[in-house]
Amino acid sequence: MDSLEGATFDVAVVGGGVNGCGIARDAAVRGASVILFEQSDLASGTSSSSTKLIHGGLRYLEHYEFRLVREALMEREVLWKIAPHIVWPLRFVLPHHRGLRPQWLLRLGLALYDNLGGRKLLPPTRTLNLRTDPAGAPLKPDLVKGFEYSDCWVEDARLVVLNAQDAAERGARIRTRTRVVRAERSGDHWIVTSEDLRTGRQERIRAKVLVNAAGPWVEKVLKDVARSGSAASVRLVQGSHIVVRRMFRHERAYIFQNRDNRIVFAIPYQDDFTLIGTTDRDYEGDPAHVKASEEEILYLCAAASEYFREPVRRDDVVWTYSGVRPLYNDGASKAQEATRDYVLVLDAPKDQPPALSIFGGKITTYRRLAEAALDKLKDHLPAARKPAWTGTASLPGGDFPQTGYAALVSEISAEFPFLDHALVARLVRAYGTRTRDIVGGARSVKDLGRNFGAGLMEREVQYLMDREWARTSDDVLWRRSKLGLRLTRDQVEALDQFMLSAATSSAA
């Protein structure tokens, strides 16, 4: 890694999650010089642990968060447009359960949902007869009526990586596995000291603005790194998910109401699985060590079993994951009632460089959050006064029409007829038009190098190392993809050995 000792940047971002990478991209798009620090891998925390939805948040209407819901609804088609390879429409089936929310309330909420956010391409809500519609087949027979509405799905960790990649291609410097250990004001600049966690080497740079987008660690950065006296505090809320073998064959998702007033999603996942989540409970401890508790796993099994004909048993769970949401502490009594809206806290003493801390936010509104962050900094950063245009600029690989995924798969299959169609479909879902950068001038499968399993070829792994900051098998198998669900332990070990050898050769 080249030395940046003593270099000066307009913006230093702490945190490589969706908010940090989104802000880095927005600032770089407007011409600011940017450096981003992430102590682990990109999207290694909360941003890879979501329910993978670009949605308005139907249940947030009950908490009167109309601004948040409207902004999120408006973003669905924006994100689909700029990243059609990793964002796509998904229809949700909401079965009516007697004794819970009444039908009139659900109809009212869905009517608002349909009309609040300027929906143009996504189809509207409709009523279902679950006795005749295929969506009713996997459900218990006493569920006879349902509602179907639109939201979108997203490959969350890839959304983060693509924002970082676009920022880097516009001049930003991305430092992964690098922790900021100290940030001090000095005249009109911040002096930011970072440590490369692989080598132990420390480096100091200067920055006009410090952005604290450290997610669950935002308060720790405020107090221990920047030594700020801000009174803002974070509320850590844990959300866990389970993955089971595929429970239904159609491509729609379900949203289930629970007796505790929460909702749980059941979503088609990676072709052969069903994703069920999420939970909401306060979390204490190191966010790096969060994992789904046995209590949460059993809760999700029981919640889904209230609706499906075939119960979800503990033994059916093939994988779990959990994340910690860094919500703004608004004093709500229950974790599920705490606001999901973002709060931007600016610390800008007179004649001193500013620091902006990010609390809360949803993956759906990350781009609007980034615009709001730049707007908050416009008095301190000339580039922030330039017009925002991330809503029209495609993310890497997304330069094809919203409705053109199948056409792009066909094009690339025709260009590279030796590739299995399922492999092309997976590659296009991950890389879009940049699938061609991976396959390159290959004329046979052998030209792609070693197959580590499940169609993960050496050429793809090398691309992820060279262009997407992947360093370990976890980076490749659980964030850049979800192929970890398919590889054996021996295959994972072989991948790690290859990546270690490739990284060593590159550094030599």
Protein backbone atom coordinates (compact mmCIF):
# COMPACT_ATOMS: atom_id res chain seq x y z
CA MET A 1 0.00 0.00 0.00
CA ASP A 2 1.46 3.34 -1.05
CA SER A 3 2.26 5.87 1.68
CA LEU A 4 0.06 8.92 2.13
CA GLU A 5 1.97 10.31 5.08
CA GLY A 6 1.38 14.06 5.31
CA ALA A 7 -1.12 14.19 2.45
CA THR A 8 -4.06 16.60 2.69
CA PHE A 9 -7.66 15.71 1.83
CA ASP A 10 -10.89 17.64 1.80
CA VAL A 11 -12.78 14.86 3.57
CA ALA A 12 -11.71 11.98 5.81
CA VAL A 13 -14.44 9.40 6.34
CA VAL A 14 -14.30 6.93 9.22
CA GLY A 15 -16.35 3.82 8.44
CA GLY A 16 -16.74 1.66 5.34
CA GLY A 17 -20.42 0.81 5.65
CA VAL A 18 -23.15 2.02 3.33
CA ASN A 19 -23.30 5.52 4.85
CA GLY A 20 -19.55 6.06 4.83
CA CYS A 21 -19.10 4.75 1.29
CA GLY A 22 -22.16 6.66 0.11
CA ILE A 23 -20.77 9.92 1.50
CA ALA A 24 -17.33 9.18 0.03
CA ARG A 25 -18.91 8.63 -3.38
CA ASP A 26 -21.06 11.77 -3.22
CA ALA A 27 -18.12 13.92 -2.13
CA ALA A 28 -15.86 12.45 -4.83
CA VAL A 29 -18.54 12.93 -7.50
CA ARG A 30 -18.60 16.65 -6.60
CA GLY A 31 -14.83 16.91 -6.93
CA ALA A 32 -13.68 16.73 -3.31
CA SER A 33 -10.52 14.81 -2.40
CA VAL A 34 -11.56 11.95 -0.14
CA ILE A 35 -9.97 9.29 2.02
CA LEU A 36 -12.01 6.57 3.71
CA PHE A 37 -10.83 4.34 6.58
CA GLU A 38 -12.44 1.01 7.48
CA GLN A 39 -11.08 -1.09 10.34
CA SER A 40 -12.19 -4.37 8.74
CA ASP A 41 -13.63 -5.20 5.33
CA LEU A 42 -16.13 -2.97 3.56
CA ALA A 43 -19.69 -3.75 4.74
CA SER A 44 -18.32 -6.05 7.43
CA GLY A 45 -20.74 -4.74 10.06
CA THR A 46 -24.36 -3.62 9.93
CA SER A 47 -24.44 -3.00 6.19
CA SER A 48 -24.10 -6.69 5.29
CA SER A 49 -26.56 -7.79 7.97
CA SER A 50 -29.78 -6.19 6.73
CA THR A 51 -32.93 -7.91 5.47
CA LYS A 52 -31.69 -6.99 1.96
CA LEU A 53 -34.65 -4.74 1.19
CA ILE A 54 -35.00 -1.39 -0.51
CA HIS A 55 -38.34 -0.48 1.03
CA GLY A 56 -40.35 2.33 2.50
CA GLY A 57 -40.97 0.49 5.74
CA LEU A 58 -44.69 -0.19 5.85
CA ARG A 59 -44.71 -0.52 9.64
CA TYR A 60 -43.04 2.89 10.12
CA LEU A 61 -46.35 4.47 9.11
CA GLU A 62 -47.73 3.29 12.46
CA HIS A 63 -45.08 5.42 14.17
CA TYR A 64 -46.02 8.44 12.00
CA GLU A 65 -42.59 8.58 10.34
CA PHE A 66 -44.10 9.91 7.12
CA ARG A 67 -41.01 11.87 6.01
CA LEU A 68 -38.79 8.80 6.35
CA VAL A 69 -41.28 6.55 4.56
CA ARG A 70 -41.83 9.01 1.71
CA GLU A 71 -38.09 9.51 1.18
CA ALA A 72 -37.50 5.76 1.25
CA LEU A 73 -40.34 5.07 -1.19
CA MET A 74 -38.94 7.65 -3.60
CA GLU A 75 -35.50 6.02 -3.44
CA ARG A 76 -36.69 2.57 -4.52
CA GLU A 77 -36.85 3.35 -8.22
CA VAL A 78 -33.81 5.65 -8.05
CA LEU A 79 -31.61 2.85 -6.72
CA TRP A 80 -33.14 0.34 -9.12
CA LYS A 81 -32.22 2.68 -11.97
CA ILE A 82 -28.57 3.25 -10.97
CA ALA A 83 -27.90 -0.35 -9.94
CA PRO A 84 -30.27 -2.69 -11.81
CA HIS A 85 -27.88 -5.63 -11.40
CA ILE A 86 -28.04 -5.64 -7.58
CA VAL A 87 -31.47 -4.02 -7.06
CA TRP A 88 -34.66 -5.49 -8.47
CA PRO A 89 -38.43 -5.40 -7.82
CA LEU A 90 -39.99 -7.84 -5.40
CA ARG A 91 -43.68 -8.41 -4.68
CA PHE A 92 -44.69 -8.92 -1.04
CA VAL A 93 -47.71 -10.90 0.15
CA LEU A 94 -49.29 -9.72 3.41
CA PRO A 95 -51.79 -12.34 4.67
CA HIS A 96 -54.59 -10.96 6.77
CA HIS A 97 -54.55 -12.54 10.22
CA ARG A 98 -57.74 -12.19 12.24
CA GLY A 99 -57.20 -10.70 15.66
CA LEU A 100 -54.22 -8.57 14.59
CA ARG A 101 -54.34 -5.40 12.48
CA PRO A 102 -57.82 -5.01 10.90
CA GLN A 103 -58.30 -5.12 7.13
CA TRP A 104 -59.32 -1.46 6.88
CA LEU A 105 -56.07 -0.39 8.54
CA LEU A 106 -53.96 -2.54 6.21
CA ARG A 107 -55.81 -1.15 3.17
CA LEU A 108 -55.27 2.42 4.38
CA GLY A 109 -51.58 1.83 5.02
CA LEU A 110 -51.08 0.23 1.60
CA ALA A 111 -52.99 3.04 -0.13
CA LEU A 112 -50.60 5.52 1.49
CA TYR A 113 -47.68 3.30 0.53
CA ASP A 114 -48.80 3.25 -3.11
CA ASN A 115 -49.20 7.01 -3.38
CA LEU A 116 -46.73 8.59 -0.97
CA GLY A 117 -43.52 8.06 -2.90
CA GLY A 118 -44.12 8.81 -6.56
CA ARG A 119 -44.22 5.19 -7.73
CA LYS A 120 -43.84 4.99 -11.54
CA LEU A 121 -42.61 1.56 -12.62
CA LEU A 122 -43.43 -0.64 -9.64
CA PRO A 123 -46.90 -2.22 -9.85
CA PRO A 124 -49.58 -1.18 -7.33
CA THR A 125 -51.18 -3.06 -4.45
CA ARG A 126 -53.82 -5.70 -5.17
CA THR A 127 -56.02 -7.97 -3.05
CA LEU A 128 -55.42 -11.75 -3.15
CA ASN A 129 -57.65 -14.73 -2.59
CA LEU A 130 -55.19 -17.04 -0.87
CA ARG A 131 -57.39 -20.07 -1.55
CA THR A 132 -56.86 -19.73 -5.30
CA ASP A 133 -53.64 -17.73 -5.69
CA PRO A 134 -50.38 -19.78 -5.71
CA ALA A 135 -49.10 -17.53 -2.93
CA GLY A 136 -51.60 -19.18 -0.59
CA ALA A 137 -50.38 -22.74 -1.20
CA PRO A 138 -47.51 -22.71 1.37
CA LEU A 139 -49.70 -21.00 4.00
CA LYS A 140 -52.09 -22.39 6.58
CA PRO A 141 -55.59 -22.96 5.17
CA ASP A 142 -57.30 -20.53 7.57
CA LEU A 143 -55.50 -17.64 5.84
CA VAL A 144 -57.96 -16.74 3.09
CA LYS A 145 -57.29 -13.11 2.19
CA GLY A 146 -54.08 -11.20 1.57
CA PHE A 147 -52.66 -8.08 0.00
CA GLU A 148 -49.76 -7.86 -2.46
CA TYR A 149 -47.57 -4.77 -2.83
CA SER A 150 -44.21 -3.76 -4.28
CA ASP A 151 -40.80 -3.04 -2.82
CA CYS A 152 -37.29 -3.96 -3.96
CA TRP A 153 -34.50 -6.37 -3.08
CA VAL A 154 -30.82 -5.40 -2.82
CA GLU A 155 -27.51 -7.19 -2.49
CA ASP A 156 -26.61 -5.01 0.49
CA ALA A 157 -22.88 -5.64 0.83
CA ARG A 158 -22.37 -5.26 -2.92
CA LEU A 159 -24.17 -1.91 -2.76
CA VAL A 160 -21.52 -0.77 -0.28
CA VAL A 161 -18.61 -2.10 -2.32
CA LEU A 162 -19.88 -0.54 -5.55
CA ASN A 163 -20.19 2.86 -3.87
CA ALA A 164 -16.59 2.53 -2.67
CA GLN A 165 -15.47 1.37 -6.11
CA ASP A 166 -17.14 4.34 -7.81
CA ALA A 167 -15.63 6.71 -5.26
CA ALA A 168 -12.18 5.22 -5.89
CA GLU A 169 -12.57 5.54 -9.65
CA ARG A 170 -13.30 9.23 -9.05
CA GLY A 171 -10.11 9.68 -7.03
CA ALA A 172 -11.03 8.65 -3.47
CA ARG A 173 -8.53 6.62 -1.47
CA ILE A 174 -10.04 3.58 0.24
CA ARG A 175 -8.08 2.16 3.20
CA THR A 176 -9.53 -1.13 4.47
CA ARG A 177 -8.17 -3.03 7.48
CA THR A 178 -7.07 0.37 8.75
CA ARG A 179 -8.25 1.80 12.06
CA VAL A 180 -8.30 5.48 12.93
CA VAL A 181 -6.62 5.66 16.32
CA ARG A 182 -6.61 9.41 16.80
CA ALA A 183 -8.09 12.56 15.26
CA GLU A 184 -7.00 15.97 16.55
CA ARG A 185 -7.85 19.48 15.50
CA SER A 186 -4.82 21.51 14.45
CA GLY A 187 -5.51 24.98 13.11
CA ASP A 188 -7.98 24.66 10.27
CA HIS A 189 -7.35 20.94 9.69
CA TRP A 190 -7.78 17.59 11.37
CA ILE A 191 -4.67 15.49 11.91
CA VAL A 192 -5.87 11.91 11.47
CA THR A 193 -3.62 9.06 12.62
CA SER A 194 -4.44 5.61 11.27
CA GLU A 195 -2.96 2.16 11.82
CA ASP A 196 -2.74 -0.59 9.22
CA LEU A 197 -3.98 -3.60 11.19
CA ARG A 198 -2.02 -6.02 9.02
CA THR A 199 1.39 -4.40 9.38
CA GLY A 200 1.01 -2.19 12.46
CA ARG A 201 2.32 0.78 10.46
CA GLN A 202 0.87 4.14 11.44
CA GLU A 203 0.30 7.07 9.12
CA ARG A 204 -0.89 10.65 9.55
CA ILE A 205 -2.90 12.65 7.04
CA ARG A 206 -4.58 16.06 7.16
CA ALA A 207 -8.26 16.66 6.41
CA LYS A 208 -10.44 19.75 6.26
CA VAL A 209 -13.53 17.79 7.36
CA LEU A 210 -13.95 14.64 9.45
CA VAL A 211 -17.00 12.45 8.85
CA ASN A 212 -17.76 9.90 11.54
CA ALA A 213 -19.78 7.16 9.83
CA ALA A 214 -18.56 4.35 12.07
CA GLY A 215 -21.99 2.80 12.53
CA PRO A 216 -22.22 0.98 15.87
CA TRP A 217 -18.87 2.51 16.80
CA VAL A 218 -19.97 6.10 16.09
CA GLU A 219 -20.10 7.05 19.77
CA LYS A 220 -16.75 5.37 20.46
CA VAL A 221 -15.12 7.38 17.66
CA LEU A 222 -16.68 10.55 19.05
CA LYS A 223 -15.40 9.99 22.58
CA ASP A 224 -12.19 8.00 22.22
CA VAL A 225 -10.81 9.07 18.84
CA ALA A 226 -12.00 12.63 18.23
CA ARG A 227 -12.54 13.35 21.95
CA SER A 228 -15.68 15.29 21.22
CA GLY A 229 -17.99 16.53 23.96
CA SER A 230 -21.14 15.95 21.86
CA ALA A 231 -24.18 14.94 23.90
CA ALA A 232 -25.59 12.78 21.08
CA SER A 233 -25.72 9.10 21.86
CA VAL A 234 -26.37 5.88 19.98
CA ARG A 235 -28.87 3.14 20.76
CA LEU A 236 -27.63 -0.26 19.62
CA VAL A 237 -30.44 -2.52 18.43
CA GLN A 238 -29.76 -6.08 17.34
CA GLY A 239 -31.47 -7.61 14.33
CA SER A 240 -31.01 -11.30 13.53
CA HIS A 241 -31.99 -13.51 10.60
CA ILE A 242 -32.17 -17.20 9.83
CA VAL A 243 -31.79 -19.01 6.49
CA VAL A 244 -33.56 -22.31 5.77
CA ARG A 245 -33.99 -24.47 2.69
CA ARG A 246 -36.44 -23.04 0.18
CA MET A 247 -39.99 -23.20 1.54
CA PHE A 248 -41.93 -22.20 -1.58
CA ARG A 249 -41.32 -22.21 -5.33
CA HIS A 250 -42.75 -18.86 -6.44
CA GLU A 251 -40.67 -15.65 -6.46
CA ARG A 252 -42.79 -13.52 -4.14
CA ALA A 253 -41.91 -12.71 -0.52
CA TYR A 254 -44.11 -12.71 2.57
CA ILE A 255 -44.56 -10.17 5.33
CA PHE A 256 -46.09 -11.67 8.46
CA GLN A 257 -47.68 -9.84 11.40
CA ASN A 258 -46.80 -11.14 14.86
CA ARG A 259 -48.82 -10.99 18.04
CA ASP A 260 -46.10 -8.82 19.65
CA ASN A 261 -46.89 -6.18 16.96
CA ARG A 262 -43.65 -6.85 15.08
CA ILE A 263 -43.41 -8.11 11.54
CA VAL A 264 -41.23 -10.84 10.03
CA PHE A 265 -40.28 -11.31 6.38
CA ALA A 266 -39.87 -14.62 4.54
CA ILE A 267 -38.00 -13.99 1.30
CA PRO A 268 -36.72 -16.15 -1.60
CA TYR A 269 -32.94 -16.23 -1.12
CA GLN A 270 -30.07 -17.31 -3.37
CA ASP A 271 -32.35 -19.60 -5.44
CA ASP A 272 -32.38 -22.53 -3.02
CA PHE A 273 -33.11 -20.91 0.33
CA THR A 274 -35.58 -18.77 2.28
CA LEU A 275 -34.46 -15.84 4.41
CA ILE A 276 -36.51 -15.14 7.56
CA GLY A 277 -36.09 -12.04 9.73
CA THR A 278 -35.73 -9.85 11.61
CA THR A 279 -35.66 -9.34 15.36
CA ASP A 280 -35.46 -6.10 17.34
CA ARG A 281 -33.81 -5.98 20.76
CA ASP A 282 -31.38 -3.72 22.56
CA TYR A 283 -27.77 -4.82 22.39
CA GLU A 284 -24.91 -4.37 24.81
CA GLY A 285 -21.34 -5.38 24.17
CA ASP A 286 -18.87 -5.21 21.29
CA PRO A 287 -20.78 -4.98 17.99
CA ALA A 288 -17.99 -6.98 16.34
CA HIS A 289 -19.07 -10.04 18.31
CA VAL A 290 -22.81 -9.92 17.68
CA LYS A 291 -24.47 -13.19 16.68
CA ALA A 292 -28.00 -14.54 16.59
CA SER A 293 -28.98 -15.86 20.00
CA GLU A 294 -30.81 -19.15 20.46
CA GLU A 295 -33.79 -17.16 21.73
CA GLU A 296 -33.92 -15.10 18.52
CA ILE A 297 -33.56 -18.18 16.31
CA LEU A 298 -36.46 -19.91 18.06
CA TYR A 299 -38.52 -16.69 17.91
CA LEU A 300 -38.12 -16.48 14.13
CA CYS A 301 -38.89 -20.18 13.70
CA ALA A 302 -42.07 -19.78 15.76
CA ALA A 303 -43.12 -16.55 14.00
CA ALA A 304 -42.87 -18.14 10.54
CA SER A 305 -44.56 -21.32 11.76
CA GLU A 306 -47.65 -19.28 12.66
CA TYR A 307 -48.24 -18.84 8.92
CA PHE A 308 -46.64 -21.69 6.98
CA ARG A 309 -48.33 -25.10 6.65
CA GLU A 310 -44.98 -26.77 7.26
CA PRO A 311 -43.48 -25.53 10.54
CA VAL A 312 -39.98 -24.07 10.60
CA ARG A 313 -37.92 -26.15 13.02
CA ARG A 314 -34.62 -25.35 14.64
CA ASP A 315 -32.97 -28.17 12.69
CA ASP A 316 -34.06 -26.53 9.42
CA VAL A 317 -31.77 -23.53 9.98
CA VAL A 318 -28.68 -23.73 7.76
CA TRP A 319 -27.21 -20.30 8.54
CA THR A 320 -27.82 -17.29 10.76
CA TYR A 321 -26.50 -13.78 10.77
CA SER A 322 -26.96 -10.76 12.99
CA GLY A 323 -26.19 -7.05 12.88
CA VAL A 324 -26.34 -4.07 15.21
CA ARG A 325 -28.29 -1.02 14.09
CA PRO A 326 -26.71 2.24 15.33
CA LEU A 327 -29.92 4.17 15.95
CA TYR A 328 -30.13 7.67 17.33
CA ASN A 329 -31.10 7.44 20.99
CA ASP A 330 -34.45 9.23 20.99
CA GLY A 331 -35.56 7.78 24.33
CA ALA A 332 -38.12 5.35 22.85
CA SER A 333 -39.16 2.75 25.39
CA LYS A 334 -38.98 -0.23 23.00
CA ALA A 335 -36.26 -1.10 20.52
CA GLN A 336 -38.83 -1.57 17.75
CA GLU A 337 -40.18 1.96 18.38
CA ALA A 338 -36.82 3.75 18.17
CA THR A 339 -36.62 5.97 15.08
CA ARG A 340 -35.00 4.53 11.95
CA ASP A 341 -34.53 8.03 10.56
CA TYR A 342 -31.02 9.38 10.31
CA VAL A 343 -29.67 12.17 12.49
CA LEU A 344 -26.62 14.21 11.46
CA VAL A 345 -24.74 15.89 14.30
CA LEU A 346 -22.33 18.66 13.29
CA ASP A 347 -19.58 19.73 15.69
CA ALA A 348 -18.08 22.92 14.23
CA PRO A 349 -16.48 25.26 16.79
CA LYS A 350 -15.63 28.69 15.42
CA ASP A 351 -12.38 28.79 13.43
CA GLN A 352 -11.88 25.05 13.85
CA PRO A 353 -12.39 22.18 11.40
CA PRO A 354 -15.80 20.49 11.58
CA ALA A 355 -16.74 16.92 12.42
CA LEU A 356 -19.99 15.37 11.25
CA SER A 357 -21.33 12.26 12.99
CA ILE A 358 -23.95 9.97 11.44
CA PHE A 359 -26.57 8.28 13.61
CA GLY A 360 -29.19 5.85 12.36
CA GLY A 361 -30.35 5.58 8.79
CA LYS A 362 -31.63 2.78 6.57
CA ILE A 363 -29.82 1.18 3.68
CA THR A 364 -32.69 2.39 1.48
CA THR A 365 -31.98 6.05 2.22
CA TYR A 366 -28.17 5.94 2.30
CA ARG A 367 -27.88 8.06 -0.87
CA ARG A 368 -30.23 10.75 0.44
CA LEU A 369 -28.35 10.67 3.74
CA ALA A 370 -25.13 11.33 1.84
CA GLU A 371 -26.72 14.32 0.09
CA ALA A 372 -27.93 15.65 3.45
CA ALA A 373 -24.44 15.20 4.91
CA LEU A 374 -22.84 17.20 2.10
CA ASP A 375 -25.51 19.87 2.48
CA LYS A 376 -24.68 20.07 6.19
CA LEU A 377 -21.03 20.67 5.28
CA LYS A 378 -21.54 23.26 2.53
CA ASP A 379 -20.33 26.15 4.72
CA HIS A 380 -17.06 24.28 5.34
CA LEU A 381 -16.46 22.46 2.06
CA PRO A 382 -16.72 24.32 -1.27
CA ALA A 383 -17.28 21.09 -3.23
CA ALA A 384 -20.41 20.42 -1.16
CA ARG A 385 -22.08 23.43 -2.77
CA LYS A 386 -22.00 21.77 -6.19
CA PRO A 387 -25.16 20.04 -7.42
CA ALA A 388 -25.73 16.45 -6.33
CA TRP A 389 -26.06 13.88 -9.11
CA THR A 390 -25.52 10.44 -7.59
CA GLY A 391 -29.18 9.70 -8.29
CA THR A 392 -28.55 9.67 -12.04
CA ALA A 393 -25.01 8.25 -12.23
CA SER A 394 -24.93 4.45 -12.53
CA LEU A 395 -22.98 2.47 -9.99
CA PRO A 396 -20.22 0.28 -11.51
CA GLY A 397 -21.78 -2.35 -13.76
CA GLY A 398 -25.21 -0.72 -13.64
CA ASP A 399 -25.06 1.02 -17.02
CA PHE A 400 -27.94 -0.92 -18.58
CA PRO A 401 -31.74 -0.40 -18.47
CA GLN A 402 -33.71 -1.11 -15.31
CA THR A 403 -35.68 -3.81 -17.07
CA GLY A 404 -32.69 -5.18 -18.99
CA TYR A 405 -31.24 -7.85 -16.69
CA ALA A 406 -32.46 -10.82 -18.74
CA ALA A 407 -31.30 -9.16 -21.97
CA LEU A 408 -27.83 -8.59 -20.54
CA VAL A 409 -27.61 -12.22 -19.43
CA SER A 410 -28.53 -13.28 -22.97
CA GLU A 411 -25.95 -10.94 -24.51
CA ILE A 412 -23.11 -12.18 -22.34
CA SER A 413 -24.16 -15.82 -22.77
CA ALA A 414 -23.95 -15.29 -26.54
CA GLU A 415 -20.53 -13.62 -26.26
CA PHE A 416 -19.16 -16.42 -24.08
CA PRO A 417 -21.06 -19.58 -25.11
CA PHE A 418 -18.73 -21.84 -23.11
CA LEU A 419 -20.09 -20.40 -19.84
CA ASP A 420 -22.92 -22.17 -18.03
CA HIS A 421 -26.10 -20.06 -18.15
CA ALA A 422 -26.52 -20.21 -14.36
CA LEU A 423 -22.98 -18.88 -13.91
CA VAL A 424 -23.63 -15.99 -16.30
CA ALA A 425 -26.86 -15.18 -14.44
CA ARG A 426 -24.98 -15.06 -11.12
CA LEU A 427 -22.14 -12.97 -12.51
CA VAL A 428 -24.50 -10.45 -14.09
CA ARG A 429 -26.44 -10.18 -10.81
CA ALA A 430 -23.19 -9.29 -9.04
CA TYR A 431 -21.21 -7.33 -11.64
CA GLY A 432 -23.65 -6.23 -14.34
CA THR A 433 -21.83 -5.03 -17.44
CA ARG A 434 -18.50 -5.50 -15.67
CA THR A 435 -18.95 -9.24 -16.01
CA ARG A 436 -17.02 -8.70 -19.22
CA ASP A 437 -14.08 -7.33 -17.19
CA ILE A 438 -13.92 -10.64 -15.33
CA VAL A 439 -14.36 -12.99 -18.26
CA GLY A 440 -12.13 -10.80 -20.40
CA GLY A 441 -10.58 -12.53 -23.42
CA ALA A 442 -11.33 -16.03 -22.17
CA ARG A 443 -12.15 -18.53 -24.90
CA SER A 444 -12.86 -21.50 -22.67
CA VAL A 445 -13.67 -22.26 -19.05
CA LYS A 446 -10.03 -23.26 -18.55
CA ASP A 447 -9.00 -19.68 -19.27
CA LEU A 448 -10.86 -18.61 -16.10
CA GLY A 449 -8.48 -20.67 -13.96
CA ARG A 450 -9.23 -22.81 -10.98
CA ASN A 451 -12.80 -23.55 -9.88
CA PHE A 452 -13.00 -23.23 -6.09
CA GLY A 453 -16.55 -24.62 -6.07
CA ALA A 454 -20.06 -23.46 -7.02
CA GLY A 455 -18.69 -21.76 -10.14
CA LEU A 456 -16.33 -19.44 -8.24
CA MET A 457 -13.43 -19.17 -10.68
CA GLU A 458 -9.89 -17.93 -10.08
CA ARG A 459 -10.41 -15.03 -12.51
CA GLU A 460 -13.35 -13.77 -10.45
CA VAL A 461 -11.43 -14.05 -7.18
CA GLN A 462 -8.52 -12.12 -8.67
CA TYR A 463 -10.91 -9.41 -9.83
CA LEU A 464 -12.34 -9.13 -6.32
CA MET A 465 -8.84 -8.79 -4.87
CA ASP A 466 -7.65 -6.30 -7.46
CA ARG A 467 -10.77 -4.15 -7.81
CA GLU A 468 -12.95 -4.70 -4.73
CA TRP A 469 -10.54 -4.91 -1.76
CA ALA A 470 -11.27 -8.58 -0.98
CA ARG A 471 -8.54 -10.14 1.19
CA THR A 472 -10.03 -13.26 2.80
CA SER A 473 -12.45 -16.02 1.92
CA ASP A 474 -15.08 -14.37 4.13
CA ASP A 475 -14.82 -11.21 2.04
CA VAL A 476 -15.54 -13.22 -1.10
CA LEU A 477 -18.01 -15.80 0.22
CA TRP A 478 -20.16 -13.77 2.61
CA ARG A 479 -19.96 -10.16 1.40
CA ARG A 480 -19.02 -10.00 -2.31
CA SER A 481 -21.25 -13.06 -2.74
CA LYS A 482 -23.18 -15.59 -0.63
CA LEU A 483 -21.35 -18.60 -2.03
CA GLY A 484 -20.42 -19.51 1.53
CA LEU A 485 -23.79 -21.28 1.59
CA ARG A 486 -22.49 -23.70 -1.04
CA LEU A 487 -18.76 -24.31 -0.50
CA THR A 488 -17.36 -27.07 1.70
CA ARG A 489 -14.85 -26.44 4.48
CA ASP A 490 -12.03 -27.85 2.33
CA GLN A 491 -12.99 -25.56 -0.56
CA VAL A 492 -13.02 -22.54 1.75
CA GLU A 493 -9.57 -23.45 3.06
CA ALA A 494 -8.23 -23.81 -0.48
CA LEU A 495 -9.65 -20.38 -1.36
CA ASP A 496 -8.01 -18.80 1.68
CA GLN A 497 -4.65 -20.35 0.79
CA PHE A 498 -4.91 -19.09 -2.77
CA MET A 499 -5.81 -15.56 -1.67
CA LEU A 500 -2.99 -15.47 0.89
CA SER A 501 -0.51 -16.60 -1.72
CA ALA A 502 -1.81 -14.11 -4.29
CA ALA A 503 -1.67 -11.23 -1.78
CA THR A 504 1.88 -12.18 -0.77
CA SER A 505 3.01 -12.32 -4.39
CA SER A 506 1.42 -8.95 -5.08
CA ALA A 507 3.15 -7.32 -2.10
CA ALA A 508 6.56 -8.73 -3.02
